[in-house]
């Protein structure tokens, strides 16, 4: 059996604390099957990225999104990414690049070479798309370069890149003075995307449908926050381990009734757990904040290991990319494109005002401080993935700034990768968690 054909190693399954989180695997698989069936159903498909801003536009055009980062994460969770990473390396792509991108590019290369899915493809594999939609956000190189590189294997698939800037934090001017500029820029980008999609699908945008889809997404944003804020309770009814599952409808199903219904169900479940005082773990000793970094998808059972020590994560900064709509201060408009643009700008700058009031602070630091206070946090855990530089650069600095206020709060920085399992040592990771828990206990005393 060749390296490319060998089966992934057996993996332990993570224990979930909520019924909602336990349903995610079947939901994710159904989403993958939708992409595979799209061709037979005569539907257009598009590669796209998590939190791309234009989910509602894609949905309203009846285009089936193929979430390339999600597929790479599935390969990682199934411990079956190595053969695709190795294939990208054979194409002279460095392993130090984003391993999501390397996994996807390796898979695309192999699929196009074979003319069919690679053997034993996770969940049936990822089909060739009709178009690829980049989403540059100044935080992640692959959101522009990945799909350009993929055109080496799929030169007939058009690419459209949307510039969606992360709003820079500055102290020498009022953000409100430049907000209209960012809104206008993003509106132009989204209108360009609509024109591209109309050209490549042969159909016009139904703006009435887009308005309905945007409204549904707004209500879903509210429901997510209402559900997640129930985790402030003691004992905490759901930890970050489950949140790394419940992020799926937030990240990949926005603008669908299924996503709204899921978070309504989660909200009701967490509310009931709080009413009967049922925590995510039976004996909650320590409340931790997942303060930054993507998880190692092949090692989500590490959350169970934390829980076995009496530690639960009531909050996380990762994948909590929404806020209640009524907190954003959006202007009233009948234009759904303008609403999407302003919603992004106001969300992306949500913590700026608080950061301006504190010396040596940033929006990221203010968010950590807010969660520490509101969720009664005892310690902070972060994860630095070696291949995800843009997301993980600055985590240590953020901790140092937080420690200027919470001088004695214990912190732990784990080091591994998102899907490259060769970077991970379970025994070493658990030993570091043990030492961290000892520090937590001493701090409590």
Protein backbone atom coordinates (compact mmCIF):
# COMPACT_ATOMS: atom_id res chain seq x y z
CA UNK A 1 0.00 0.00 0.00
CA UNK A 2 1.46 3.38 -1.01
CA UNK A 3 1.79 6.36 1.29
CA UNK A 4 -0.99 8.11 -0.63
CA UNK A 5 -3.41 5.17 -0.22
CA UNK A 6 -2.79 4.20 3.41
CA UNK A 7 -5.70 4.48 5.81
CA UNK A 8 -5.69 7.16 8.51
CA UNK A 9 -4.81 6.08 12.01
CA UNK A 10 -7.60 5.30 14.44
CA UNK A 11 -8.77 8.29 16.44
CA UNK A 12 -10.66 8.70 19.68
CA UNK A 13 -13.95 10.56 19.56
CA UNK A 14 -14.53 13.68 21.63
CA UNK A 15 -17.27 13.52 24.23
CA UNK A 16 -19.89 16.24 23.71
CA UNK A 17 -21.89 17.87 26.51
CA UNK A 18 -24.90 18.96 24.46
CA UNK A 19 -27.37 17.22 22.19
CA UNK A 20 -26.94 20.05 19.69
CA UNK A 21 -23.19 19.49 19.32
CA UNK A 22 -23.70 15.74 18.85
CA UNK A 23 -25.74 16.44 15.70
CA UNK A 24 -23.02 18.39 13.93
CA UNK A 25 -21.28 15.41 12.31
CA UNK A 26 -24.44 14.38 10.46
CA UNK A 27 -25.15 18.01 9.50
CA UNK A 28 -21.63 18.45 8.15
CA UNK A 29 -21.81 15.22 6.19
CA UNK A 30 -25.16 16.25 4.69
CA UNK A 31 -23.58 19.56 3.68
CA UNK A 32 -20.77 17.69 1.95
CA UNK A 33 -23.26 15.44 0.16
CA UNK A 34 -25.11 18.54 -1.08
CA UNK A 35 -21.94 19.71 -2.79
CA UNK A 36 -21.35 16.31 -4.37
CA UNK A 37 -24.94 16.10 -5.64
CA UNK A 38 -25.03 19.65 -7.02
CA UNK A 39 -23.74 18.71 -10.47
CA UNK A 40 -26.41 16.06 -10.95
CA UNK A 41 -29.06 18.58 -9.88
CA UNK A 42 -27.83 21.20 -12.34
CA UNK A 43 -26.73 23.61 -9.61
CA UNK A 44 -23.67 25.84 -9.74
CA UNK A 45 -20.99 25.42 -7.09
CA UNK A 46 -18.30 27.73 -5.73
CA UNK A 47 -15.22 27.31 -3.59
CA UNK A 48 -15.40 29.84 -0.79
CA UNK A 49 -14.06 30.73 2.67
CA UNK A 50 -15.35 30.82 6.20
CA UNK A 51 -16.75 34.22 7.32
CA UNK A 52 -16.43 35.58 3.79
CA UNK A 53 -19.19 38.20 4.39
CA UNK A 54 -21.13 37.30 1.28
CA UNK A 55 -22.75 34.00 2.34
CA UNK A 56 -26.21 35.51 1.82
CA UNK A 57 -25.33 36.60 -1.73
CA UNK A 58 -24.17 33.11 -2.67
CA UNK A 59 -27.27 31.52 -1.11
CA UNK A 60 -29.59 33.99 -2.83
CA UNK A 61 -28.08 33.09 -6.21
CA UNK A 62 -28.83 29.37 -5.53
CA UNK A 63 -25.12 28.58 -5.69
CA UNK A 64 -23.96 25.67 -3.54
CA UNK A 65 -20.91 26.76 -1.52
CA UNK A 66 -17.99 24.34 -1.21
CA UNK A 67 -16.13 25.34 1.96
CA UNK A 68 -12.51 24.50 1.24
CA UNK A 69 -11.23 25.20 4.77
CA UNK A 70 -13.97 22.99 6.18
CA UNK A 71 -12.99 20.11 3.93
CA UNK A 72 -9.36 20.44 5.03
CA UNK A 73 -10.54 20.48 8.65
CA UNK A 74 -12.52 17.29 8.05
CA UNK A 75 -9.40 15.66 6.61
CA UNK A 76 -7.51 16.77 9.72
CA UNK A 77 -10.20 15.59 12.13
CA UNK A 78 -10.19 12.19 10.42
CA UNK A 79 -6.38 12.18 10.62
CA UNK A 80 -6.28 11.80 6.87
CA UNK A 81 -4.59 15.02 5.75
CA UNK A 82 -0.99 13.83 5.49
CA UNK A 83 -1.25 12.27 2.05
CA UNK A 84 -2.69 15.50 0.60
CA UNK A 85 -0.06 17.62 2.37
CA UNK A 86 2.67 15.40 0.95
CA UNK A 87 1.23 15.73 -2.52
CA UNK A 88 1.41 19.54 -2.27
CA UNK A 89 5.01 19.28 -1.09
CA UNK A 90 5.71 17.20 -4.19
CA UNK A 91 4.44 20.22 -6.17
CA UNK A 92 7.19 22.32 -4.52
CA UNK A 93 4.84 24.00 -2.04
CA UNK A 94 6.41 24.51 1.39
CA UNK A 95 4.94 22.72 4.43
CA UNK A 96 5.29 26.04 6.28
CA UNK A 97 2.38 27.43 4.26
CA UNK A 98 -1.18 27.21 5.56
CA UNK A 99 -1.90 23.49 5.87
CA UNK A 100 -5.58 24.06 5.06
CA UNK A 101 -4.46 25.38 1.67
CA UNK A 102 -1.84 22.67 1.20
CA UNK A 103 -4.39 19.96 1.96
CA UNK A 104 -6.92 21.43 -0.47
CA UNK A 105 -4.36 21.99 -3.22
CA UNK A 106 -2.98 18.48 -2.82
CA UNK A 107 -6.49 17.06 -3.05
CA UNK A 108 -7.37 19.16 -6.13
CA UNK A 109 -4.15 18.18 -7.87
CA UNK A 110 -4.76 14.49 -7.24
CA UNK A 111 -8.45 14.63 -8.25
CA UNK A 112 -7.71 16.42 -11.52
CA UNK A 113 -4.83 14.07 -12.29
CA UNK A 114 -7.01 10.99 -11.73
CA UNK A 115 -10.14 12.43 -13.32
CA UNK A 116 -12.03 11.21 -10.26
CA UNK A 117 -11.91 11.46 -6.47
CA UNK A 118 -8.73 10.20 -4.78
CA UNK A 119 -9.12 6.78 -3.14
CA UNK A 120 -10.96 6.71 0.20
CA UNK A 121 -11.67 10.46 0.06
CA UNK A 122 -13.11 11.75 3.36
CA UNK A 123 -16.90 12.03 3.05
CA UNK A 124 -16.74 11.40 -0.67
CA UNK A 125 -14.24 14.15 -1.41
CA UNK A 126 -14.48 17.72 -2.66
CA UNK A 127 -15.78 18.20 -6.20
CA UNK A 128 -14.37 20.52 -8.83
CA UNK A 129 -16.20 23.86 -8.55
CA UNK A 130 -17.74 26.07 -11.23
CA UNK A 131 -16.03 29.14 -9.76
CA UNK A 132 -13.74 30.12 -6.89
CA UNK A 133 -14.48 33.12 -4.66
CA UNK A 134 -11.56 34.62 -2.77
CA UNK A 135 -12.11 36.83 0.25
CA UNK A 136 -9.04 38.88 1.10
CA UNK A 137 -9.23 40.14 4.68
CA UNK A 138 -5.63 41.23 5.32
CA UNK A 139 -5.36 38.46 7.89
CA UNK A 140 -4.81 35.41 5.73
CA UNK A 141 -2.69 35.03 2.60
CA UNK A 142 -4.55 31.93 1.30
CA UNK A 143 -7.83 33.82 1.03
CA UNK A 144 -6.39 35.38 -2.13
CA UNK A 145 -3.48 33.12 -3.19
CA UNK A 146 -5.02 29.66 -2.58
CA UNK A 147 -7.49 29.78 -5.44
CA UNK A 148 -4.98 31.42 -7.76
CA UNK A 149 -2.68 28.46 -7.07
CA UNK A 150 -5.58 26.03 -7.64
CA UNK A 151 -5.93 27.37 -11.18
CA UNK A 152 -2.75 25.46 -12.03
CA UNK A 153 -4.90 22.32 -11.86
CA UNK A 154 -8.22 23.91 -12.90
CA UNK A 155 -7.35 26.62 -15.45
CA UNK A 156 -10.93 26.66 -16.76
CA UNK A 157 -12.43 27.65 -13.39
CA UNK A 158 -12.77 31.45 -12.98
CA UNK A 159 -11.66 33.20 -9.77
CA UNK A 160 -13.14 36.35 -8.26
CA UNK A 161 -11.43 38.02 -5.31
CA UNK A 162 -13.40 40.26 -2.97
CA UNK A 163 -11.50 42.80 -0.87
CA UNK A 164 -13.02 42.72 2.60
CA UNK A 165 -10.64 44.67 4.83
CA UNK A 166 -10.26 44.09 8.54
CA UNK A 167 -10.72 47.58 9.96
CA UNK A 168 -7.34 48.78 11.32
CA UNK A 169 -7.23 50.04 14.90
CA UNK A 170 -5.73 53.51 15.20
CA UNK A 171 -5.66 56.07 18.01
CA UNK A 172 -5.06 59.25 16.02
CA UNK A 173 -8.48 59.52 14.39
CA UNK A 174 -12.10 58.69 15.13
CA UNK A 175 -13.22 55.51 13.37
CA UNK A 176 -16.57 57.13 12.62
CA UNK A 177 -14.81 59.54 10.29
CA UNK A 178 -13.62 56.72 8.01
CA UNK A 179 -16.48 54.23 8.41
CA UNK A 180 -18.34 55.56 5.33
CA UNK A 181 -15.21 54.98 3.22
CA UNK A 182 -14.96 51.32 4.26
CA UNK A 183 -18.70 50.77 3.75
CA UNK A 184 -18.52 52.29 0.26
CA UNK A 185 -15.46 50.20 -0.65
CA UNK A 186 -17.06 46.95 0.46
CA UNK A 187 -20.33 47.80 -1.31
CA UNK A 188 -18.37 48.21 -4.54
CA UNK A 189 -16.68 44.87 -3.97
CA UNK A 190 -19.99 43.09 -3.32
CA UNK A 191 -21.66 44.63 -6.36
CA UNK A 192 -18.73 43.42 -8.43
CA UNK A 193 -19.23 39.95 -6.97
CA UNK A 194 -22.93 39.99 -7.89
CA UNK A 195 -22.04 40.94 -11.48
CA UNK A 196 -19.49 38.10 -11.62
CA UNK A 197 -22.00 35.57 -10.29
CA UNK A 198 -24.69 36.75 -12.70
CA UNK A 199 -22.28 36.33 -15.62
CA UNK A 200 -21.19 32.84 -14.56
CA UNK A 201 -24.64 31.53 -13.67
CA UNK A 202 -26.64 33.17 -16.43
CA UNK A 203 -29.24 34.42 -13.96
CA UNK A 204 -29.98 37.73 -12.27
CA UNK A 205 -29.84 38.38 -8.55
CA UNK A 206 -33.25 38.19 -6.88
CA UNK A 207 -32.95 41.14 -4.49
CA UNK A 208 -36.20 40.32 -2.69
CA UNK A 209 -34.74 36.92 -1.86
CA UNK A 210 -31.47 38.55 -0.80
CA UNK A 211 -33.33 40.85 1.62
CA UNK A 212 -35.08 37.83 3.16
CA UNK A 213 -31.81 35.90 3.41
CA UNK A 214 -29.99 38.81 5.06
CA UNK A 215 -32.83 39.24 7.56
CA UNK A 216 -32.70 35.54 8.41
CA UNK A 217 -28.94 35.78 8.92
CA UNK A 218 -29.36 38.82 11.20
CA UNK A 219 -31.84 36.89 13.35
CA UNK A 220 -29.40 33.98 13.43
CA UNK A 221 -26.61 36.31 14.64
CA UNK A 222 -28.87 37.36 17.52
CA UNK A 223 -29.79 33.79 18.39
CA UNK A 224 -26.13 32.71 18.44
CA UNK A 225 -25.19 35.42 20.93
CA UNK A 226 -28.27 34.76 23.06
CA UNK A 227 -27.31 31.07 23.21
CA UNK A 228 -23.60 31.58 23.83
CA UNK A 229 -24.17 34.14 26.60
CA UNK A 230 -26.08 31.47 28.54
CA UNK A 231 -22.64 29.94 29.08
CA UNK A 232 -21.89 32.67 31.65
CA UNK A 233 -23.81 30.56 34.17
CA UNK A 234 -22.13 28.56 36.90
CA UNK A 235 -21.86 25.66 36.29
CA UNK A 236 -21.23 26.32 32.61
CA UNK A 237 -23.62 24.30 30.42
CA UNK A 238 -21.35 24.06 27.35
CA UNK A 239 -17.61 24.38 26.78
CA UNK A 240 -15.40 25.34 23.88
CA UNK A 241 -15.01 21.71 22.85
CA UNK A 242 -18.68 21.72 21.88
CA UNK A 243 -18.37 25.22 20.43
CA UNK A 244 -15.78 23.89 17.99
CA UNK A 245 -18.65 21.78 16.66
CA UNK A 246 -21.47 24.30 16.90
CA UNK A 247 -19.41 26.74 14.83
CA UNK A 248 -20.35 24.72 11.73
CA UNK A 249 -23.82 26.22 11.13
CA UNK A 250 -22.47 29.64 12.16
CA UNK A 251 -19.61 29.41 9.67
CA UNK A 252 -21.04 27.41 6.78
CA UNK A 253 -24.85 27.63 6.90
CA UNK A 254 -25.48 31.32 7.53
CA UNK A 255 -28.58 32.61 5.80
CA UNK A 256 -30.37 29.26 6.03
CA UNK A 257 -33.37 28.29 8.13
CA UNK A 258 -31.40 25.25 9.28
CA UNK A 259 -28.79 27.45 10.96
CA UNK A 260 -31.39 29.55 12.75
CA UNK A 261 -33.30 26.47 13.92
CA UNK A 262 -30.08 24.88 15.15
CA UNK A 263 -29.14 27.82 17.36
CA UNK A 264 -32.69 28.18 18.63
CA UNK A 265 -32.50 24.53 19.68
CA UNK A 266 -29.08 25.09 21.27
CA UNK A 267 -30.40 28.16 23.10
CA UNK A 268 -33.33 26.20 24.52
CA UNK A 269 -31.09 23.30 25.55
CA UNK A 270 -28.60 25.57 27.36
CA UNK A 271 -31.42 27.49 29.04
CA UNK A 272 -32.85 24.22 30.35
CA UNK A 273 -29.43 23.09 31.58
CA UNK A 274 -29.06 26.35 33.49
CA UNK A 275 -32.50 25.96 35.03
CA UNK A 276 -31.61 22.52 36.42
CA UNK A 277 -28.01 23.53 37.24
CA UNK A 278 -26.51 20.96 34.90
CA UNK A 279 -22.96 21.78 33.86
CA UNK A 280 -20.88 20.55 30.95
CA UNK A 281 -18.85 18.56 33.50
CA UNK A 282 -20.00 17.12 36.82
CA UNK A 283 -17.47 18.91 39.03
CA UNK A 284 -16.52 22.33 37.70
CA UNK A 285 -13.37 23.62 39.39
CA UNK A 286 -11.78 25.98 36.87
CA UNK A 287 -13.27 28.27 34.21
CA UNK A 288 -10.94 28.80 31.27
CA UNK A 289 -10.95 31.09 28.26
CA UNK A 290 -9.84 29.80 24.87
CA UNK A 291 -8.13 33.10 24.18
CA UNK A 292 -6.96 32.68 20.62
CA UNK A 293 -5.89 30.31 17.89
CA UNK A 294 -7.52 27.66 15.77
CA UNK A 295 -7.72 24.21 17.37
CA UNK A 296 -5.87 21.08 16.33
CA UNK A 297 -8.73 19.28 14.60
CA UNK A 298 -7.06 15.92 15.07
CA UNK A 299 -6.81 16.48 18.85
CA UNK A 300 -10.19 17.82 19.97
CA UNK A 301 -10.14 15.13 22.66
CA UNK A 302 -7.72 17.43 24.49
CA UNK A 303 -10.81 19.35 25.58
CA UNK A 304 -12.02 16.15 27.25
CA UNK A 305 -8.66 15.94 28.99
CA UNK A 306 -9.10 19.45 30.38
CA UNK A 307 -12.58 18.48 31.51
CA UNK A 308 -11.28 15.37 33.28
CA UNK A 309 -9.27 17.79 35.43
CA UNK A 310 -12.36 19.81 36.34
CA UNK A 311 -11.67 22.57 33.79
CA UNK A 312 -14.36 23.93 31.46
CA UNK A 313 -14.17 26.64 28.77
CA UNK A 314 -17.23 28.94 29.02
CA UNK A 315 -16.00 31.21 26.21
CA UNK A 316 -13.65 31.42 23.25
CA UNK A 317 -12.57 34.13 20.82
CA UNK A 318 -12.15 31.64 17.97
CA UNK A 319 -15.16 31.27 15.65
CA UNK A 320 -17.29 33.71 17.63
CA UNK A 321 -17.47 36.02 14.64
CA UNK A 322 -20.91 37.54 15.25
CA UNK A 323 -22.57 40.02 17.59
CA UNK A 324 -26.14 40.99 18.36
CA UNK A 325 -27.34 43.19 15.52
CA UNK A 326 -28.87 45.74 17.89
CA UNK A 327 -25.45 46.33 19.50
CA UNK A 328 -23.77 47.35 16.26
CA UNK A 329 -25.53 50.67 15.72
CA UNK A 330 -26.42 50.00 12.10
CA UNK A 331 -28.18 52.63 10.04
CA UNK A 332 -31.52 51.84 8.46
CA UNK A 333 -31.32 50.99 4.79
CA UNK A 334 -33.44 49.10 2.29
CA UNK A 335 -30.31 48.09 0.34
CA UNK A 336 -29.15 44.60 1.44
CA UNK A 337 -25.69 45.18 -0.07
CA UNK A 338 -25.22 48.31 2.04
CA UNK A 339 -26.47 46.43 5.11
CA UNK A 340 -23.94 43.62 4.57
CA UNK A 341 -21.10 46.11 4.14
CA UNK A 342 -21.99 48.17 7.20
CA UNK A 343 -22.64 45.08 9.31
CA UNK A 344 -19.13 43.87 8.52
CA UNK A 345 -17.49 47.22 9.29
CA UNK A 346 -19.38 47.71 12.56
CA UNK A 347 -18.69 44.13 13.66
CA UNK A 348 -15.01 44.32 12.70
CA UNK A 349 -14.61 47.53 14.74
CA UNK A 350 -16.88 46.52 17.62
CA UNK A 351 -14.14 46.62 20.30
CA UNK A 352 -12.34 49.72 19.00
CA UNK A 353 -13.98 52.28 21.28
CA UNK A 354 -13.16 50.30 24.43
CA UNK A 355 -9.56 49.86 23.30
CA UNK A 356 -9.15 53.61 22.78
CA UNK A 357 -10.04 54.23 26.43
CA UNK A 358 -7.17 52.12 27.76
CA UNK A 359 -3.44 52.73 27.28
CA UNK A 360 -1.52 49.97 25.47
CA UNK A 361 -4.69 48.12 24.56
CA UNK A 362 -6.07 46.76 21.30
CA UNK A 363 -9.51 45.48 20.31
CA UNK A 364 -8.25 41.91 20.72
CA UNK A 365 -7.05 42.63 24.27
CA UNK A 366 -10.32 44.33 25.18
CA UNK A 367 -12.24 41.30 24.03
CA UNK A 368 -10.14 39.06 26.28
CA UNK A 369 -10.66 41.39 29.23
CA UNK A 370 -14.41 41.47 28.63
CA UNK A 371 -14.67 37.68 28.54
CA UNK A 372 -12.50 37.30 31.66
CA UNK A 373 -14.85 39.57 33.57
CA UNK A 374 -18.21 38.42 32.21
CA UNK A 375 -17.49 34.69 32.23
CA UNK A 376 -15.56 34.67 35.54
CA UNK A 377 -12.41 33.22 33.99
CA UNK A 378 -9.65 31.61 36.09
CA UNK A 379 -7.08 31.02 33.35
CA UNK A 380 -6.37 31.50 29.64
CA UNK A 381 -5.37 28.90 27.06
CA UNK A 382 -4.18 29.77 23.55
CA UNK A 383 -2.98 27.63 20.67
CA UNK A 384 -0.26 28.60 18.23
CA UNK A 385 -0.46 26.65 14.98
CA UNK A 386 2.85 26.84 13.18
CA UNK A 387 1.29 27.04 9.70
CA UNK A 388 -1.30 29.73 10.53
CA UNK A 389 0.88 32.77 11.01
CA UNK A 390 -1.63 35.55 10.40
CA UNK A 391 -4.12 34.34 13.00
CA UNK A 392 -1.61 33.38 15.64
CA UNK A 393 0.96 36.16 15.48
CA UNK A 394 0.56 38.44 18.47
CA UNK A 395 -1.05 35.99 20.91
CA UNK A 396 1.85 36.22 23.38
CA UNK A 397 1.76 40.03 23.22
CA UNK A 398 -1.99 39.97 23.93
CA UNK A 399 -1.39 37.81 27.00
CA UNK A 400 1.31 40.18 28.22
CA UNK A 401 -1.10 43.10 27.93
CA UNK A 402 -3.82 41.22 29.79
CA UNK A 403 -1.36 40.38 32.56
CA UNK A 404 -0.83 44.08 33.19
CA UNK A 405 -4.37 44.04 34.57
CA UNK A 406 -4.72 40.43 35.77
CA UNK A 407 -1.16 39.94 36.96
CA UNK A 408 -1.58 36.48 38.45
CA UNK A 409 -3.94 34.85 35.95
CA UNK A 410 -2.44 31.51 34.81
CA UNK A 411 -1.87 31.12 31.07
CA UNK A 412 -0.98 28.26 28.75
CA UNK A 413 0.10 28.40 25.11
CA UNK A 414 -0.18 25.08 23.28
CA UNK A 415 1.84 24.55 20.12
CA UNK A 416 0.91 22.30 17.22
CA UNK A 417 -0.96 22.76 13.94
CA UNK A 418 -4.48 22.80 12.61
CA UNK A 419 -4.34 19.61 10.52
CA UNK A 420 -0.68 18.51 10.31
CA UNK A 421 -0.62 15.77 12.94
CA UNK A 422 3.16 15.33 12.63
CA UNK A 423 3.46 18.49 14.76
CA UNK A 424 1.56 16.96 17.70
CA UNK A 425 2.68 14.94 20.73
CA UNK A 426 -0.21 13.88 22.96
CA UNK A 427 1.91 12.89 25.95
CA UNK A 428 3.76 16.21 25.93
CA UNK A 429 0.51 18.17 25.48
CA UNK A 430 -1.16 16.39 28.39
CA UNK A 431 1.90 16.92 30.57
CA UNK A 432 1.73 20.65 29.89
CA UNK A 433 -1.98 20.66 30.70
CA UNK A 434 -1.24 18.86 33.98
CA UNK A 435 1.31 21.50 34.96
CA UNK A 436 -1.12 24.26 34.00
CA UNK A 437 -3.87 22.73 36.14
CA UNK A 438 -1.44 22.59 39.08
CA UNK A 439 -0.84 26.32 38.59
CA UNK A 440 -4.59 26.93 38.46
CA UNK A 441 -5.03 25.09 41.74
CA UNK A 442 -2.25 27.05 43.41
CA UNK A 443 -3.76 30.29 42.11
CA UNK A 444 -7.16 29.30 43.49
CA UNK A 445 -5.65 28.66 46.91
